[in-house]
Amino acid sequence: MAQSVLLKQPNPMVMEGDLGVNWKKFKNSFKLYITATGYNEKDDAVQAAVLLHTIGEEAYEVFESLGISEEDKKKIRKNY
């Protein structure tokens, strides 16, 4: 029987300093999180929702300002 493990979600992306470095750090934590929780086996819409939920309020506000369609918000690039 598989054990269920509760993991703390990744810390939100830091929106100060070098955003490129901060994105890489967040992305690596996110990839570990979705793998450990099994979300990487879910469809793109679920993975995208988890990404947007975990990225943090400030980064999410920036994302929302980009004018991305509702359909595209449900997609996630596998290679980030």
PDB file of N, CA and C in Angstrom:
ATOM      1  N   MET A   1       0.848  -1.170   0.000  1.00  0.00           N
ATOM      2  CA  MET A   1       0.000   0.000   0.000  1.00  0.00           C
ATOM      3  C   MET A   1       0.900   1.242   0.000  1.00  0.00           C
ATOM      4  N   ALA A   2       0.577   2.202  -0.850  1.00  0.00           N
ATOM      5  CA  ALA A   2       1.355   3.444  -0.929  1.00  0.00           C
ATOM      6  C   ALA A   2       1.052   4.327   0.271  1.00  0.00           C
ATOM      7  N   GLN A   3       2.089   4.950   0.798  1.00  0.00           N
ATOM      8  CA  GLN A   3       1.907   5.873   1.910  1.00  0.00           C
ATOM      9  C   GLN A   3       1.627   7.262   1.388  1.00  0.00           C
ATOM     10  N   SER A   4       0.756   7.950   2.057  1.00  0.00           N
ATOM     11  CA  SER A   4       0.458   9.328   1.712  1.00  0.00           C
ATOM     12  C   SER A   4       1.370  10.236   2.532  1.00  0.00           C
ATOM     13  N   VAL A   5       2.059  11.141   1.850  1.00  0.00           N
ATOM     14  CA  VAL A   5       2.991  12.035   2.523  1.00  0.00           C
ATOM     15  C   VAL A   5       2.534  13.465   2.299  1.00  0.00           C
ATOM     16  N   LEU A   6       2.434  14.215   3.372  1.00  0.00           N
ATOM     17  CA  LEU A   6       2.096  15.625   3.261  1.00  0.00           C
ATOM     18  C   LEU A   6       3.383  16.428   3.192  1.00  0.00           C
ATOM     19  N   LEU A   7       3.514  17.211   2.165  1.00  0.00           N
ATOM     20  CA  LEU A   7       4.703  18.032   1.977  1.00  0.00           C
ATOM     21  C   LEU A   7       4.324  19.500   2.002  1.00  0.00           C
ATOM     22  N   LYS A   8       5.187  20.286   2.576  1.00  0.00           N
ATOM     23  CA  LYS A   8       5.002  21.733   2.548  1.00  0.00           C
ATOM     24  C   LYS A   8       5.217  22.195   1.115  1.00  0.00           C
ATOM     25  N   GLN A   9       4.326  23.045   0.651  1.00  0.00           N
ATOM     26  CA  GLN A   9       4.497  23.553  -0.716  1.00  0.00           C
ATOM     27  C   GLN A   9       5.732  24.443  -0.779  1.00  0.00           C
ATOM     28  N   PRO A  10       6.280  24.658  -1.987  1.00  0.00           N
ATOM     29  CA  PRO A  10       7.470  25.503  -2.102  1.00  0.00           C
ATOM     30  C   PRO A  10       7.187  26.927  -1.625  1.00  0.00           C
ATOM     31  N   ASN A  11       8.216  27.587  -1.164  1.00  0.00           N
ATOM     32  CA  ASN A  11       8.084  29.002  -0.816  1.00  0.00           C
ATOM     33  C   ASN A  11       7.732  29.783  -2.067  1.00  0.00           C
ATOM     34  N   PRO A  12       6.975  30.864  -1.939  1.00  0.00           N
ATOM     35  CA  PRO A  12       6.642  31.683  -3.106  1.00  0.00           C
ATOM     36  C   PRO A  12       7.906  32.217  -3.778  1.00  0.00           C
ATOM     37  N   MET A  13       7.781  32.525  -5.053  1.00  0.00           N
ATOM     38  CA  MET A  13       8.895  33.118  -5.779  1.00  0.00           C
ATOM     39  C   MET A  13       9.214  34.487  -5.181  1.00  0.00           C
ATOM     40  N   VAL A  14      10.495  34.749  -4.962  1.00  0.00           N
ATOM     41  CA  VAL A  14      10.944  36.040  -4.447  1.00  0.00           C
ATOM     42  C   VAL A  14      10.928  37.033  -5.605  1.00  0.00           C
ATOM     43  N   MET A  15      10.251  38.156  -5.400  1.00  0.00           N
ATOM     44  CA  MET A  15      10.064  39.136  -6.471  1.00  0.00           C
ATOM     45  C   MET A  15      10.978  40.348  -6.322  1.00  0.00           C
ATOM     46  N   GLU A  16      12.081  40.196  -5.637  1.00  0.00           N
ATOM     47  CA  GLU A  16      13.083  41.247  -5.495  1.00  0.00           C
ATOM     48  C   GLU A  16      14.421  40.678  -5.933  1.00  0.00           C
ATOM     49  N   GLY A  17      15.322  41.547  -6.371  1.00  0.00           N
ATOM     50  CA  GLY A  17      16.647  41.093  -6.768  1.00  0.00           C
ATOM     51  C   GLY A  17      16.634  40.524  -8.176  1.00  0.00           C
ATOM     52  N   ASP A  18      17.426  39.502  -8.407  1.00  0.00           N
ATOM     53  CA  ASP A  18      17.577  38.889  -9.729  1.00  0.00           C
ATOM     54  C   ASP A  18      16.418  37.922  -9.980  1.00  0.00           C
ATOM     55  N   LEU A  19      15.448  38.364 -10.763  1.00  0.00           N
ATOM     56  CA  LEU A  19      14.250  37.552 -10.990  1.00  0.00           C
ATOM     57  C   LEU A  19      14.557  36.271 -11.755  1.00  0.00           C
ATOM     58  N   GLY A  20      15.572  36.311 -12.622  1.00  0.00           N
ATOM     59  CA  GLY A  20      15.964  35.102 -13.351  1.00  0.00           C
ATOM     60  C   GLY A  20      16.462  34.020 -12.403  1.00  0.00           C
ATOM     61  N   VAL A  21      17.313  34.395 -11.485  1.00  0.00           N
ATOM     62  CA  VAL A  21      17.821  33.461 -10.479  1.00  0.00           C
ATOM     63  C   VAL A  21      16.687  33.011  -9.572  1.00  0.00           C
ATOM     64  N   ASN A  22      15.846  33.954  -9.169  1.00  0.00           N
ATOM     65  CA  ASN A  22      14.725  33.621  -8.289  1.00  0.00           C
ATOM     66  C   ASN A  22      13.768  32.639  -8.959  1.00  0.00           C
ATOM     67  N   TRP A  23      13.512  32.825 -10.275  1.00  0.00           N
ATOM     68  CA  TRP A  23      12.640  31.906 -11.005  1.00  0.00           C
ATOM     69  C   TRP A  23      13.246  30.509 -11.028  1.00  0.00           C
ATOM     70  N   LYS A  24      14.553  30.417 -11.295  1.00  0.00           N
ATOM     71  CA  LYS A  24      15.200  29.106 -11.336  1.00  0.00           C
ATOM     72  C   LYS A  24      15.090  28.392  -9.993  1.00  0.00           C
ATOM     73  N   LYS A  25      15.276  29.127  -8.903  1.00  0.00           N
ATOM     74  CA  LYS A  25      15.153  28.529  -7.570  1.00  0.00           C
ATOM     75  C   LYS A  25      13.723  28.059  -7.318  1.00  0.00           C
ATOM     76  N   PHE A  26      12.745  28.912  -7.648  1.00  0.00           N
ATOM     77  CA  PHE A  26      11.350  28.519  -7.453  1.00  0.00           C
ATOM     78  C   PHE A  26      11.011  27.320  -8.332  1.00  0.00           C
ATOM     79  N   LYS A  27      11.426  27.385  -9.591  1.00  0.00           N
ATOM     80  CA  LYS A  27      11.123  26.309 -10.540  1.00  0.00           C
ATOM     81  C   LYS A  27      11.661  24.972 -10.039  1.00  0.00           C
ATOM     82  N   ASN A  28      12.904  24.958  -9.551  1.00  0.00           N
ATOM     83  CA  ASN A  28      13.479  23.708  -9.044  1.00  0.00           C
ATOM     84  C   ASN A  28      12.690  23.182  -7.851  1.00  0.00           C
ATOM     85  N   SER A  29      12.312  24.057  -6.936  1.00  0.00           N
ATOM     86  CA  SER A  29      11.501  23.637  -5.787  1.00  0.00           C
ATOM     87  C   SER A  29      10.140  23.124  -6.250  1.00  0.00           C
ATOM     88  N   PHE A  30       9.550  23.815  -7.218  1.00  0.00           N
ATOM     89  CA  PHE A  30       8.247  23.410  -7.737  1.00  0.00           C
ATOM     90  C   PHE A  30       8.319  22.031  -8.389  1.00  0.00           C
ATOM     91  N   LYS A  31       9.349  21.803  -9.194  1.00  0.00           N
ATOM     92  CA  LYS A  31       9.492  20.508  -9.867  1.00  0.00           C
ATOM     93  C   LYS A  31       9.646  19.372  -8.854  1.00  0.00           C
ATOM     94  N   LEU A  32      10.423  19.610  -7.810  1.00  0.00           N
ATOM     95  CA  LEU A  32      10.557  18.598  -6.760  1.00  0.00           C
ATOM     96  C   LEU A  32       9.211  18.352  -6.073  1.00  0.00           C
ATOM     97  N   TYR A  33       8.494  19.423  -5.804  1.00  0.00           N
ATOM     98  CA  TYR A  33       7.201  19.331  -5.125  1.00  0.00           C
ATOM     99  C   TYR A  33       6.192  18.538  -5.951  1.00  0.00           C
ATOM    100  N   ILE A  34       6.053  18.859  -7.230  1.00  0.00           N
ATOM    101  CA  ILE A  34       5.040  18.144  -8.019  1.00  0.00           C
ATOM    102  C   ILE A  34       5.425  16.688  -8.239  1.00  0.00           C
ATOM    103  N   THR A  35       6.723  16.410  -8.289  1.00  0.00           N
ATOM    104  CA  THR A  35       7.153  15.018  -8.410  1.00  0.00           C
ATOM    105  C   THR A  35       6.866  14.257  -7.127  1.00  0.00           C
ATOM    106  N   ALA A  36       7.229  14.846  -5.990  1.00  0.00           N
ATOM    107  CA  ALA A  36       7.040  14.176  -4.699  1.00  0.00           C
ATOM    108  C   ALA A  36       5.569  13.980  -4.353  1.00  0.00           C
ATOM    109  N   THR A  37       4.717  14.877  -4.798  1.00  0.00           N
ATOM    110  CA  THR A  37       3.290  14.784  -4.478  1.00  0.00           C
ATOM    111  C   THR A  37       2.487  14.015  -5.525  1.00  0.00           C
ATOM    112  N   GLY A  38       3.104  13.729  -6.666  1.00  0.00           N
ATOM    113  CA  GLY A  38       2.411  13.024  -7.736  1.00  0.00           C
ATOM    114  C   GLY A  38       1.648  13.936  -8.685  1.00  0.00           C
ATOM    115  N   TYR A  39       1.702  15.242  -8.453  1.00  0.00           N
ATOM    116  CA  TYR A  39       1.020  16.166  -9.355  1.00  0.00           C
ATOM    117  C   TYR A  39       1.603  16.122 -10.765  1.00  0.00           C
ATOM    118  N   ASN A  40       2.842  15.691 -10.900  1.00  0.00           N
ATOM    119  CA  ASN A  40       3.451  15.607 -12.232  1.00  0.00           C
ATOM    120  C   ASN A  40       2.750  14.570 -13.108  1.00  0.00           C
ATOM    121  N   GLU A  41       1.968  13.690 -12.499  1.00  0.00           N
ATOM    122  CA  GLU A  41       1.200  12.692 -13.240  1.00  0.00           C
ATOM    123  C   GLU A  41      -0.188  13.202 -13.633  1.00  0.00           C
ATOM    124  N   LYS A  42      -0.567  14.349 -13.123  1.00  0.00           N
ATOM    125  CA  LYS A  42      -1.879  14.939 -13.418  1.00  0.00           C
ATOM    126  C   LYS A  42      -1.826  15.665 -14.754  1.00  0.00           C
ATOM    127  N   ASP A  43      -2.992  16.039 -15.267  1.00  0.00           N
ATOM    128  CA  ASP A  43      -3.021  16.743 -16.545  1.00  0.00           C
ATOM    129  C   ASP A  43      -2.495  18.174 -16.399  1.00  0.00           C
ATOM    130  N   ASP A  44      -2.258  18.798 -17.537  1.00  0.00           N
ATOM    131  CA  ASP A  44      -1.658  20.138 -17.560  1.00  0.00           C
ATOM    132  C   ASP A  44      -2.457  21.159 -16.759  1.00  0.00           C
ATOM    133  N   ALA A  45      -3.779  21.098 -16.816  1.00  0.00           N
ATOM    134  CA  ALA A  45      -4.600  22.084 -16.113  1.00  0.00           C
ATOM    135  C   ALA A  45      -4.361  22.012 -14.604  1.00  0.00           C
ATOM    136  N   VAL A  46      -4.228  20.809 -14.061  1.00  0.00           N
ATOM    137  CA  VAL A  46      -3.977  20.648 -12.629  1.00  0.00           C
ATOM    138  C   VAL A  46      -2.579  21.153 -12.293  1.00  0.00           C
ATOM    139  N   GLN A  47      -1.592  20.782 -13.103  1.00  0.00           N
ATOM    140  CA  GLN A  47      -0.221  21.233 -12.848  1.00  0.00           C
ATOM    141  C   GLN A  47      -0.116  22.754 -12.926  1.00  0.00           C
ATOM    142  N   ALA A  48      -0.783  23.353 -13.893  1.00  0.00           N
ATOM    143  CA  ALA A  48      -0.768  24.815 -14.022  1.00  0.00           C
ATOM    144  C   ALA A  48      -1.425  25.468 -12.817  1.00  0.00           C
ATOM    145  N   ALA A  49      -2.524  24.886 -12.346  1.00  0.00           N
ATOM    146  CA  ALA A  49      -3.209  25.436 -11.176  1.00  0.00           C
ATOM    147  C   ALA A  49      -2.320  25.350  -9.938  1.00  0.00           C
ATOM    148  N   VAL A  50      -1.608  24.243  -9.774  1.00  0.00           N
ATOM    149  CA  VAL A  50      -0.702  24.101  -8.631  1.00  0.00           C
ATOM    150  C   VAL A  50       0.431  25.122  -8.739  1.00  0.00           C
ATOM    151  N   LEU A  51       0.968  25.303  -9.931  1.00  0.00           N
ATOM    152  CA  LEU A  51       2.018  26.304 -10.138  1.00  0.00           C
ATOM    153  C   LEU A  51       1.523  27.692  -9.752  1.00  0.00           C
ATOM    154  N   LEU A  52       0.368  28.077 -10.251  1.00  0.00           N
ATOM    155  CA  LEU A  52      -0.162  29.412  -9.971  1.00  0.00           C
ATOM    156  C   LEU A  52      -0.554  29.576  -8.505  1.00  0.00           C
ATOM    157  N   HIS A  53      -0.939  28.496  -7.872  1.00  0.00           N
ATOM    158  CA  HIS A  53      -1.270  28.551  -6.449  1.00  0.00           C
ATOM    159  C   HIS A  53      -0.016  28.724  -5.595  1.00  0.00           C
ATOM    160  N   THR A  54       1.067  28.064  -5.978  1.00  0.00           N
ATOM    161  CA  THR A  54       2.270  28.071  -5.152  1.00  0.00           C
ATOM    162  C   THR A  54       3.218  29.227  -5.448  1.00  0.00           C
ATOM    163  N   ILE A  55       3.080  29.876  -6.584  1.00  0.00           N
ATOM    164  CA  ILE A  55       4.067  30.877  -6.990  1.00  0.00           C
ATOM    165  C   ILE A  55       4.069  32.128  -6.114  1.00  0.00           C
ATOM    166  N   GLY A  56       2.979  32.368  -5.424  1.00  0.00           N
ATOM    167  CA  GLY A  56       2.906  33.518  -4.537  1.00  0.00           C
ATOM    168  C   GLY A  56       2.050  34.634  -5.119  1.00  0.00           C
ATOM    169  N   GLU A  57       1.505  35.427  -4.231  1.00  0.00           N
ATOM    170  CA  GLU A  57       0.549  36.464  -4.611  1.00  0.00           C
ATOM    171  C   GLU A  57       1.153  37.502  -5.552  1.00  0.00           C
ATOM    172  N   GLU A  58       2.346  37.969  -5.238  1.00  0.00           N
ATOM    173  CA  GLU A  58       2.959  39.021  -6.056  1.00  0.00           C
ATOM    174  C   GLU A  58       3.285  38.521  -7.465  1.00  0.00           C
ATOM    175  N   ALA A  59       3.842  37.331  -7.571  1.00  0.00           N
ATOM    176  CA  ALA A  59       4.149  36.763  -8.888  1.00  0.00           C
ATOM    177  C   ALA A  59       2.863  36.448  -9.651  1.00  0.00           C
ATOM    178  N   TYR A  60       1.834  35.996  -8.935  1.00  0.00           N
ATOM    179  CA  TYR A  60       0.551  35.713  -9.580  1.00  0.00           C
ATOM    180  C   TYR A  60      -0.064  36.992 -10.158  1.00  0.00           C
ATOM    181  N   GLU A  61       0.052  38.089  -9.438  1.00  0.00           N
ATOM    182  CA  GLU A  61      -0.462  39.362  -9.953  1.00  0.00           C
ATOM    183  C   GLU A  61       0.254  39.765 -11.236  1.00  0.00           C
ATOM    184  N   VAL A  62       1.563  39.558 -11.288  1.00  0.00           N
ATOM    185  CA  VAL A  62       2.315  39.830 -12.517  1.00  0.00           C
ATOM    186  C   VAL A  62       1.809  38.925 -13.633  1.00  0.00           C
ATOM    187  N   PHE A  63       1.641  37.642 -13.338  1.00  0.00           N
ATOM    188  CA  PHE A  63       1.133  36.693 -14.321  1.00  0.00           C
ATOM    189  C   PHE A  63      -0.222  37.138 -14.870  1.00  0.00           C
ATOM    190  N   GLU A  64      -1.117  37.539 -13.977  1.00  0.00           N
ATOM    191  CA  GLU A  64      -2.449  37.978 -14.393  1.00  0.00           C
ATOM    192  C   GLU A  64      -2.395  39.225 -15.280  1.00  0.00           C
ATOM    193  N   SER A  65      -1.381  40.042 -15.112  1.00  0.00           N
ATOM    194  CA  SER A  65      -1.273  41.269 -15.908  1.00  0.00           C
ATOM    195  C   SER A  65      -0.792  41.007 -17.337  1.00  0.00           C
ATOM    196  N   LEU A  66      -0.409  39.784 -17.649  1.00  0.00           N
ATOM    197  CA  LEU A  66       0.150  39.463 -18.963  1.00  0.00           C
ATOM    198  C   LEU A  66      -0.906  39.263 -20.046  1.00  0.00           C
ATOM    199  N   GLY A  67      -2.163  39.168 -19.668  1.00  0.00           N
ATOM    200  CA  GLY A  67      -3.226  39.017 -20.656  1.00  0.00           C
ATOM    201  C   GLY A  67      -3.279  37.637 -21.301  1.00  0.00           C
ATOM    202  N   ILE A  68      -2.904  36.616 -20.583  1.00  0.00           N
ATOM    203  CA  ILE A  68      -2.923  35.250 -21.099  1.00  0.00           C
ATOM    204  C   ILE A  68      -4.361  34.741 -21.098  1.00  0.00           C
ATOM    205  N   SER A  69      -4.739  34.060 -22.175  1.00  0.00           N
ATOM    206  CA  SER A  69      -6.114  33.564 -22.292  1.00  0.00           C
ATOM    207  C   SER A  69      -6.400  32.513 -21.227  1.00  0.00           C
ATOM    208  N   GLU A  70      -7.677  32.352 -20.915  1.00  0.00           N
ATOM    209  CA  GLU A  70      -8.085  31.360 -19.911  1.00  0.00           C
ATOM    210  C   GLU A  70      -7.658  29.959 -20.344  1.00  0.00           C
ATOM    211  N   GLU A  71      -7.728  29.673 -21.631  1.00  0.00           N
ATOM    212  CA  GLU A  71      -7.314  28.356 -22.135  1.00  0.00           C
ATOM    213  C   GLU A  71      -5.816  28.148 -21.952  1.00  0.00           C
ATOM    214  N   ASP A  72      -5.026  29.171 -22.261  1.00  0.00           N
ATOM    215  CA  ASP A  72      -3.571  29.049 -22.116  1.00  0.00           C
ATOM    216  C   ASP A  72      -3.135  28.988 -20.658  1.00  0.00           C
ATOM    217  N   LYS A  73      -3.942  29.515 -19.749  1.00  0.00           N
ATOM    218  CA  LYS A  73      -3.622  29.432 -18.322  1.00  0.00           C
ATOM    219  C   LYS A  73      -3.671  27.999 -17.821  1.00  0.00           C
ATOM    220  N   LYS A  74      -4.315  27.124 -18.579  1.00  0.00           N
ATOM    221  CA  LYS A  74      -4.438  25.718 -18.197  1.00  0.00           C
ATOM    222  C   LYS A  74      -3.318  24.856 -18.768  1.00  0.00           C
ATOM    223  N   LYS A  75      -2.370  25.484 -19.443  1.00  0.00           N
ATOM    224  CA  LYS A  75      -1.270  24.746 -20.057  1.00  0.00           C
ATOM    225  C   LYS A  75       0.003  24.986 -19.254  1.00  0.00           C
ATOM    226  N   ILE A  76       0.867  23.996 -19.302  1.00  0.00           N
ATOM    227  CA  ILE A  76       2.156  24.130 -18.618  1.00  0.00           C
ATOM    228  C   ILE A  76       3.217  23.507 -19.516  1.00  0.00           C
ATOM    229  N   ARG A  77       4.306  24.220 -19.687  1.00  0.00           N
ATOM    230  CA  ARG A  77       5.407  23.685 -20.483  1.00  0.00           C
ATOM    231  C   ARG A  77       6.141  22.650 -19.651  1.00  0.00           C
ATOM    232  N   LYS A  78       6.383  21.521 -20.239  1.00  0.00           N
ATOM    233  CA  LYS A  78       7.052  20.446 -19.502  1.00  0.00           C
ATOM    234  C   LYS A  78       8.522  20.765 -19.247  1.00  0.00           C
ATOM    235  N   ASN A  79       9.092  21.649 -20.016  1.00  0.00           N
ATOM    236  CA  ASN A  79      10.508  21.993 -19.843  1.00  0.00           C
ATOM    237  C   ASN A  79      10.716  23.326 -19.174  1.00  0.00           C
ATOM    238  N   TYR A  80       9.638  23.977 -18.733  1.00  0.00           N
ATOM    239  CA  TYR A  80       9.684  25.274 -18.068  1.00  0.00           C
ATOM    240  C   TYR A  80      10.766  26.134 -18.675  1.00  0.00           C
TER     241      TYR A  80
END
